Amino acid sequence: MRTLDHLHRVSPPLLSDEDKELAKAAQRCIMASLDHARAATITLRTDEEGSSPVVELPPATLRLIGQLLGALSEGHTVVLMPGTQELTTVQAAHLLNVSRPFLIKEMEAGRLPYRKVGSHRRVALDDLLAYAKEMRARQRQALERLAENERELGLDY
């Protein structure tokens, strides 16, 4: 079973209100330590008496864990996958919230890199996310041009 196929079958864990509060508190601690001390270690403690292992992590990893805890504490669903993961055109279109024919036109126009596996197109997640970032930037620029045109014409909406 491929990873993405499995994702559709796994339901996200439902956190209780108490678990959400624990996640939020852990996020605050991690983010505060990164802001003030550039901490790169974290201590894990179990309910049992005994040693508490110290785990060394790069600050960027701790920041990611903090962001993950924040998202979970707010009840958001989080999906982790490697950037090299390849998506089908259907999966990519769903991720971008566009139609599959639109996505294929963008691929064929050279605006979104892809590779063919037989007759099927595959796009790397990293490429898709970069394309999405560019698409949002183009949308912002278009909105700014519209707002500027409105100001020049003296239209008040």
Protein backbone atom coordinates (compact mmCIF):
# COMPACT_ATOMS: atom_id res chain seq x y z
CA MET A 1 0.00 0.00 0.00
CA ARG A 2 1.41 3.40 -0.95
CA THR A 3 1.72 6.08 1.71
CA LEU A 4 -0.85 8.44 0.20
CA ASP A 5 -3.39 5.67 -0.24
CA HIS A 6 -2.96 4.88 3.44
CA LEU A 7 -3.53 8.53 4.41
CA HIS A 8 -7.06 8.43 3.05
CA ARG A 9 -7.88 5.47 5.28
CA VAL A 10 -6.41 6.79 8.52
CA SER A 11 -8.60 9.06 10.58
CA PRO A 12 -6.81 11.74 12.58
CA PRO A 13 -6.59 11.23 16.33
CA LEU A 14 -9.25 13.09 18.24
CA LEU A 15 -7.67 15.00 21.09
CA SER A 16 -9.60 15.60 24.25
CA ASP A 17 -9.76 19.13 25.61
CA GLU A 18 -7.20 18.10 28.23
CA ASP A 19 -4.86 16.75 25.54
CA LYS A 20 -5.25 19.98 23.53
CA GLU A 21 -4.27 22.01 26.60
CA LEU A 22 -1.22 19.78 27.17
CA ALA A 23 -0.19 20.22 23.52
CA LYS A 24 -0.64 24.00 23.76
CA ALA A 25 1.43 24.17 26.97
CA ALA A 26 4.19 22.05 25.41
CA GLN A 27 4.18 24.28 22.33
CA ARG A 28 4.54 27.41 24.47
CA CYS A 29 7.47 25.88 26.38
CA ILE A 30 9.28 24.80 23.23
CA MET A 31 8.76 28.09 21.41
CA ALA A 32 9.75 30.14 24.48
CA SER A 33 12.96 28.15 24.92
CA LEU A 34 13.83 28.67 21.26
CA ASP A 35 13.19 32.40 21.48
CA HIS A 36 15.30 32.96 24.57
CA ALA A 37 18.00 30.35 24.89
CA ARG A 38 18.38 28.83 21.44
CA ALA A 39 17.79 25.48 23.14
CA ALA A 40 18.60 22.38 21.19
CA THR A 41 17.79 19.72 23.77
CA ILE A 42 14.59 18.37 25.19
CA THR A 43 14.13 16.12 28.22
CA LEU A 44 11.58 13.33 28.10
CA ARG A 45 10.04 12.22 31.38
CA THR A 46 7.78 9.27 31.96
CA ASP A 47 5.30 8.70 34.75
CA GLU A 48 7.55 6.01 36.16
CA GLU A 49 10.45 6.78 38.50
CA GLY A 50 13.75 6.52 36.75
CA SER A 51 16.06 8.28 34.38
CA SER A 52 14.87 10.99 32.05
CA PRO A 53 16.61 10.74 28.69
CA VAL A 54 17.86 13.95 27.10
CA VAL A 55 17.27 14.14 23.36
CA GLU A 56 19.29 16.62 21.33
CA LEU A 57 17.46 18.13 18.39
CA PRO A 58 18.33 20.94 16.01
CA PRO A 59 16.42 24.17 16.76
CA ALA A 60 14.58 23.90 13.43
CA THR A 61 13.27 20.49 14.47
CA LEU A 62 12.09 21.82 17.82
CA ARG A 63 10.35 24.68 15.99
CA LEU A 64 8.59 22.14 13.75
CA ILE A 65 7.50 20.12 16.79
CA GLY A 66 6.22 23.33 18.38
CA GLN A 67 4.23 24.20 15.26
CA LEU A 68 2.85 20.66 15.10
CA LEU A 69 1.75 20.84 18.75
CA GLY A 70 0.13 24.22 18.10
CA ALA A 71 -1.84 22.91 15.13
CA LEU A 72 -2.97 19.84 17.07
CA SER A 73 -3.99 21.95 20.07
CA GLU A 74 -6.26 23.97 17.76
CA GLY A 75 -7.88 20.81 16.42
CA HIS A 76 -6.30 20.97 12.95
CA THR A 77 -5.50 17.84 10.99
CA VAL A 78 -1.81 17.53 10.22
CA VAL A 79 -0.26 15.41 7.48
CA LEU A 80 3.47 14.75 7.32
CA MET A 81 5.09 13.44 4.16
CA PRO A 82 8.49 13.75 2.53
CA GLY A 83 8.92 16.53 -0.02
CA THR A 84 10.09 13.99 -2.58
CA GLN A 85 6.74 12.19 -2.36
CA GLU A 86 5.14 12.11 -5.79
CA LEU A 87 1.46 12.83 -6.24
CA THR A 88 -0.93 11.89 -8.99
CA THR A 89 -2.68 14.66 -10.89
CA VAL A 90 -5.88 13.98 -8.94
CA GLN A 91 -4.08 14.27 -5.59
CA ALA A 92 -2.20 17.39 -6.70
CA ALA A 93 -5.39 19.05 -7.95
CA HIS A 94 -7.10 18.31 -4.63
CA LEU A 95 -4.18 19.76 -2.70
CA LEU A 96 -4.26 22.98 -4.75
CA ASN A 97 -8.07 23.06 -4.82
CA VAL A 98 -8.11 23.32 -8.62
CA SER A 99 -9.52 21.12 -11.32
CA ARG A 100 -7.45 18.29 -12.77
CA PRO A 101 -7.70 19.71 -16.35
CA PHE A 102 -6.39 23.08 -15.10
CA LEU A 103 -3.48 21.33 -13.36
CA ILE A 104 -2.61 19.37 -16.50
CA LYS A 105 -2.66 22.58 -18.58
CA GLU A 106 -0.23 24.15 -16.10
CA MET A 107 2.02 21.10 -16.36
CA GLU A 108 1.94 21.06 -20.15
CA ALA A 109 2.66 24.82 -20.26
CA GLY A 110 5.82 24.18 -18.22
CA ARG A 111 4.72 26.12 -15.15
CA LEU A 112 4.66 22.99 -12.96
CA PRO A 113 7.42 20.38 -13.29
CA TYR A 114 6.33 16.77 -13.58
CA ARG A 115 7.47 13.42 -14.86
CA LYS A 116 5.65 10.72 -16.73
CA VAL A 117 5.33 7.18 -15.49
CA GLY A 118 4.03 5.39 -18.55
CA SER A 119 1.15 7.61 -19.61
CA HIS A 120 0.57 8.99 -16.11
CA ARG A 121 1.90 12.28 -14.79
CA ARG A 122 3.52 12.56 -11.37
CA VAL A 123 4.48 15.75 -9.56
CA ALA A 124 6.83 16.00 -6.57
CA LEU A 125 5.32 17.54 -3.46
CA ASP A 126 8.18 20.08 -3.22
CA ASP A 127 7.47 21.26 -6.77
CA LEU A 128 3.75 21.44 -6.08
CA LEU A 129 4.25 23.51 -2.92
CA ALA A 130 6.62 25.87 -4.76
CA TYR A 131 4.03 26.26 -7.53
CA ALA A 132 1.31 26.96 -4.95
CA LYS A 133 3.48 29.67 -3.37
CA GLU A 134 4.06 31.28 -6.78
CA MET A 135 0.35 31.03 -7.58
CA ARG A 136 -0.57 32.83 -4.33
CA ALA A 137 2.02 35.54 -5.06
CA ARG A 138 0.54 36.06 -8.55
CA GLN A 139 -2.94 36.26 -7.03
CA ARG A 140 -1.79 38.89 -4.50
CA GLN A 141 -0.17 40.93 -7.27
CA ALA A 142 -3.36 40.79 -9.34
CA LEU A 143 -5.43 41.94 -6.36
CA GLU A 144 -2.99 44.78 -5.71
CA ARG A 145 -3.27 45.87 -9.37
CA LEU A 146 -7.06 45.81 -9.11
CA ALA A 147 -6.96 47.88 -5.91
CA GLU A 148 -4.58 50.36 -7.54
CA ASN A 149 -6.88 50.66 -10.58
CA GLU A 150 -9.81 51.27 -8.24
CA ARG A 151 -7.92 54.04 -6.45
CA GLU A 152 -6.90 55.66 -9.75
CA LEU A 153 -10.51 55.64 -10.96
CA GLY A 154 -11.78 56.98 -7.67
CA LEU A 155 -14.13 54.08 -7.09
CA ASP A 156 -15.19 53.48 -3.51
CA TYR A 157 -16.31 49.93 -2.86
